[in-house]
Amino acid sequence: MQIKELSERTGASPRMLRHYENARVLTPRRDPNGYRHYREEDVKTVHDIRCLLASGLSLSEAAALIHIACTAPQSATDQDRDDVLAQLDERTRQLDAGIERLLAEKANLIKLRQDITIGR
């Protein structure tokens, strides 16, 4: 299938599909005329990429773990799994720190609003 059909089937824009290709997450073959030709399994790959991105991972992070997490988990070594789990744990710690910071900011805004309201 060509890029337009893959885009229609996955909801990813052609520009985004080319971005995935540049990150080497998708590897379409090229027809003699230069057109990209995608395989049926690329539909699942794009859905997997989008799922990983929706989890807050960057494209480079998704590219590093897509095979372990989605496409070929049975081929991953214990070390591969440990590396990915460490990466996910670190990302979770980063998110927790961000959530704590946002909650503190929210509490400060609420307090500021209360102080202003009392001063009326």
C-alpha atoms as a PDB file:
ATOM      1  CA  MET A   1       0.000   0.000   0.000  1.00  0.00           C
ATOM      2  CA  GLN A   2       1.118   3.553  -0.575  1.00  0.00           C
ATOM      3  CA  ILE A   3       1.505   6.264   2.032  1.00  0.00           C
ATOM      4  CA  LYS A   4      -1.961   7.723   1.449  1.00  0.00           C
ATOM      5  CA  GLU A   5      -3.683   4.422   2.193  1.00  0.00           C
ATOM      6  CA  LEU A   6      -1.545   3.802   5.287  1.00  0.00           C
ATOM      7  CA  SER A   7      -2.405   7.294   6.451  1.00  0.00           C
ATOM      8  CA  GLU A   8      -6.118   6.689   5.945  1.00  0.00           C
ATOM      9  CA  ARG A   9      -6.015   3.331   7.725  1.00  0.00           C
ATOM     10  CA  THR A  10      -4.022   4.551  10.729  1.00  0.00           C
ATOM     11  CA  GLY A  11      -5.000   8.189  11.149  1.00  0.00           C
ATOM     12  CA  ALA A  12      -1.338   9.238  10.971  1.00  0.00           C
ATOM     13  CA  SER A  13      -0.628  11.975   8.457  1.00  0.00           C
ATOM     14  CA  PRO A  14       1.715  11.258   5.550  1.00  0.00           C
ATOM     15  CA  ARG A  15       4.123  13.766   7.085  1.00  0.00           C
ATOM     16  CA  MET A  16       4.090  11.838  10.364  1.00  0.00           C
ATOM     17  CA  LEU A  17       4.634   8.551   8.516  1.00  0.00           C
ATOM     18  CA  ARG A  18       7.692  10.045   6.813  1.00  0.00           C
ATOM     19  CA  HIS A  19       8.863  11.192  10.258  1.00  0.00           C
ATOM     20  CA  TYR A  20       8.510   7.615  11.542  1.00  0.00           C
ATOM     21  CA  GLU A  21      10.535   6.453   8.554  1.00  0.00           C
ATOM     22  CA  ASN A  22      13.281   8.987   9.294  1.00  0.00           C
ATOM     23  CA  ALA A  23      13.390   7.642  12.865  1.00  0.00           C
ATOM     24  CA  ARG A  24      13.749   4.149  11.350  1.00  0.00           C
ATOM     25  CA  VAL A  25      10.629   2.853  13.060  1.00  0.00           C
ATOM     26  CA  LEU A  26       8.990   2.229   9.695  1.00  0.00           C
ATOM     27  CA  THR A  27      11.003   0.823   6.813  1.00  0.00           C
ATOM     28  CA  PRO A  28       8.905   0.778   3.642  1.00  0.00           C
ATOM     29  CA  ARG A  29      10.407  -0.567   0.481  1.00  0.00           C
ATOM     30  CA  ARG A  30      10.680   1.762  -2.455  1.00  0.00           C
ATOM     31  CA  ASP A  31       9.116   1.093  -5.816  1.00  0.00           C
ATOM     32  CA  PRO A  32      11.265   1.852  -8.900  1.00  0.00           C
ATOM     33  CA  ASN A  33       9.407   5.166  -9.228  1.00  0.00           C
ATOM     34  CA  GLY A  34      10.485   6.103  -5.680  1.00  0.00           C
ATOM     35  CA  TYR A  35       7.077   5.651  -4.094  1.00  0.00           C
ATOM     36  CA  ARG A  36       7.013   4.107  -0.650  1.00  0.00           C
ATOM     37  CA  HIS A  37       5.343   0.731  -0.453  1.00  0.00           C
ATOM     38  CA  TYR A  38       4.101  -0.338   2.972  1.00  0.00           C
ATOM     39  CA  ARG A  39       3.270  -3.834   4.134  1.00  0.00           C
ATOM     40  CA  GLU A  40       0.108  -4.888   5.919  1.00  0.00           C
ATOM     41  CA  GLU A  41       2.020  -5.283   9.204  1.00  0.00           C
ATOM     42  CA  ASP A  42       3.008  -1.600   9.017  1.00  0.00           C
ATOM     43  CA  VAL A  43      -0.588  -0.763   9.984  1.00  0.00           C
ATOM     44  CA  LYS A  44      -0.030  -2.459  13.351  1.00  0.00           C
ATOM     45  CA  THR A  45       3.395  -0.854  13.703  1.00  0.00           C
ATOM     46  CA  VAL A  46       1.917   2.617  13.236  1.00  0.00           C
ATOM     47  CA  HIS A  47      -0.811   1.861  15.783  1.00  0.00           C
ATOM     48  CA  ASP A  48       1.853   0.611  18.205  1.00  0.00           C
ATOM     49  CA  ILE A  49       3.968   3.737  17.674  1.00  0.00           C
ATOM     50  CA  ARG A  50       0.969   5.988  18.274  1.00  0.00           C
ATOM     51  CA  CYS A  51       0.087   4.039  21.423  1.00  0.00           C
ATOM     52  CA  LEU A  52       3.618   4.458  22.772  1.00  0.00           C
ATOM     53  CA  LEU A  53       3.620   8.161  21.900  1.00  0.00           C
ATOM     54  CA  ALA A  54       0.255   8.567  23.624  1.00  0.00           C
ATOM     55  CA  SER A  55       1.914   7.117  26.726  1.00  0.00           C
ATOM     56  CA  GLY A  56       4.180  10.159  26.792  1.00  0.00           C
ATOM     57  CA  LEU A  57       7.241   8.580  25.221  1.00  0.00           C
ATOM     58  CA  SER A  58       9.271  10.451  22.637  1.00  0.00           C
ATOM     59  CA  LEU A  59       9.634   8.959  19.167  1.00  0.00           C
ATOM     60  CA  SER A  60      13.228   7.970  19.908  1.00  0.00           C
ATOM     61  CA  GLU A  61      12.103   6.248  23.124  1.00  0.00           C
ATOM     62  CA  ALA A  62       9.275   4.509  21.253  1.00  0.00           C
ATOM     63  CA  ALA A  63      11.681   3.419  18.526  1.00  0.00           C
ATOM     64  CA  ALA A  64      14.025   1.945  21.124  1.00  0.00           C
ATOM     65  CA  LEU A  65      11.377  -0.211  22.747  1.00  0.00           C
ATOM     66  CA  ILE A  66       8.717  -0.935  20.127  1.00  0.00           C
ATOM     67  CA  HIS A  67      10.136  -4.365  19.286  1.00  0.00           C
ATOM     68  CA  ILE A  68      10.427  -5.350  22.924  1.00  0.00           C
ATOM     69  CA  ALA A  69       7.053  -3.971  23.970  1.00  0.00           C
ATOM     70  CA  CYS A  70       4.955  -4.595  20.868  1.00  0.00           C
ATOM     71  CA  THR A  71       6.224  -6.345  17.776  1.00  0.00           C
ATOM     72  CA  ALA A  72       8.559  -9.113  18.973  1.00  0.00           C
ATOM     73  CA  PRO A  73       8.549  -9.390  22.776  1.00  0.00           C
ATOM     74  CA  GLN A  74       9.435 -13.091  22.579  1.00  0.00           C
ATOM     75  CA  SER A  75      12.778 -12.253  20.940  1.00  0.00           C
ATOM     76  CA  ALA A  76      13.826  -9.836  23.698  1.00  0.00           C
ATOM     77  CA  THR A  77      16.554 -10.892  26.076  1.00  0.00           C
ATOM     78  CA  ASP A  78      16.255 -10.470  29.823  1.00  0.00           C
ATOM     79  CA  GLN A  79      18.763  -7.621  29.534  1.00  0.00           C
ATOM     80  CA  ASP A  80      16.630  -5.956  26.844  1.00  0.00           C
ATOM     81  CA  ARG A  81      13.600  -6.189  29.110  1.00  0.00           C
ATOM     82  CA  ASP A  82      15.545  -4.883  32.118  1.00  0.00           C
ATOM     83  CA  ASP A  83      16.790  -1.914  30.067  1.00  0.00           C
ATOM     84  CA  VAL A  84      13.292  -1.061  28.870  1.00  0.00           C
ATOM     85  CA  LEU A  85      11.825  -1.430  32.351  1.00  0.00           C
ATOM     86  CA  ALA A  86      14.521   0.889  33.730  1.00  0.00           C
ATOM     87  CA  GLN A  87      13.701   3.406  30.997  1.00  0.00           C
ATOM     88  CA  LEU A  88       9.983   3.217  31.797  1.00  0.00           C
ATOM     89  CA  ASP A  89      10.686   3.541  35.530  1.00  0.00           C
ATOM     90  CA  GLU A  90      12.781   6.659  34.904  1.00  0.00           C
ATOM     91  CA  ARG A  91      10.055   8.186  32.729  1.00  0.00           C
ATOM     92  CA  THR A  92       7.507   7.398  35.462  1.00  0.00           C
ATOM     93  CA  ARG A  93       9.718   9.148  38.041  1.00  0.00           C
ATOM     94  CA  GLN A  94       9.924  12.180  35.760  1.00  0.00           C
ATOM     95  CA  LEU A  95       6.141  12.244  35.410  1.00  0.00           C
ATOM     96  CA  ASP A  96       5.671  11.906  39.174  1.00  0.00           C
ATOM     97  CA  ALA A  97       8.013  14.865  39.738  1.00  0.00           C
ATOM     98  CA  GLY A  98       6.099  16.891  37.168  1.00  0.00           C
ATOM     99  CA  ILE A  99       2.773  16.011  38.777  1.00  0.00           C
ATOM    100  CA  GLU A 100       4.074  17.054  42.207  1.00  0.00           C
ATOM    101  CA  ARG A 101       5.291  20.366  40.755  1.00  0.00           C
ATOM    102  CA  LEU A 102       1.939  21.000  39.066  1.00  0.00           C
ATOM    103  CA  LEU A 103       0.008  20.163  42.234  1.00  0.00           C
ATOM    104  CA  ALA A 104       2.183  22.601  44.194  1.00  0.00           C
ATOM    105  CA  GLU A 105       1.586  25.294  41.566  1.00  0.00           C
ATOM    106  CA  LYS A 106      -2.149  24.614  41.693  1.00  0.00           C
ATOM    107  CA  ALA A 107      -2.167  24.875  45.493  1.00  0.00           C
ATOM    108  CA  ASN A 108      -0.307  28.197  45.251  1.00  0.00           C
ATOM    109  CA  LEU A 109      -2.843  29.535  42.746  1.00  0.00           C
ATOM    110  CA  ILE A 110      -5.756  28.472  44.947  1.00  0.00           C
ATOM    111  CA  LYS A 111      -4.131  30.159  47.952  1.00  0.00           C
ATOM    112  CA  LEU A 112      -3.460  33.299  45.917  1.00  0.00           C
ATOM    113  CA  ARG A 113      -7.086  33.358  44.773  1.00  0.00           C
ATOM    114  CA  GLN A 114      -8.297  32.944  48.345  1.00  0.00           C
ATOM    115  CA  ASP A 115      -6.025  35.770  49.521  1.00  0.00           C
ATOM    116  CA  ILE A 116      -7.369  38.046  46.809  1.00  0.00           C
ATOM    117  CA  THR A 117     -10.985  37.079  47.517  1.00  0.00           C
ATOM    118  CA  ILE A 118     -10.561  37.770  51.274  1.00  0.00           C
ATOM    119  CA  GLY A 119      -9.129  41.189  50.464  1.00  0.00           C
ATOM    120  CA  ARG A 120     -12.362  42.298  48.748  1.00  0.00           C
END
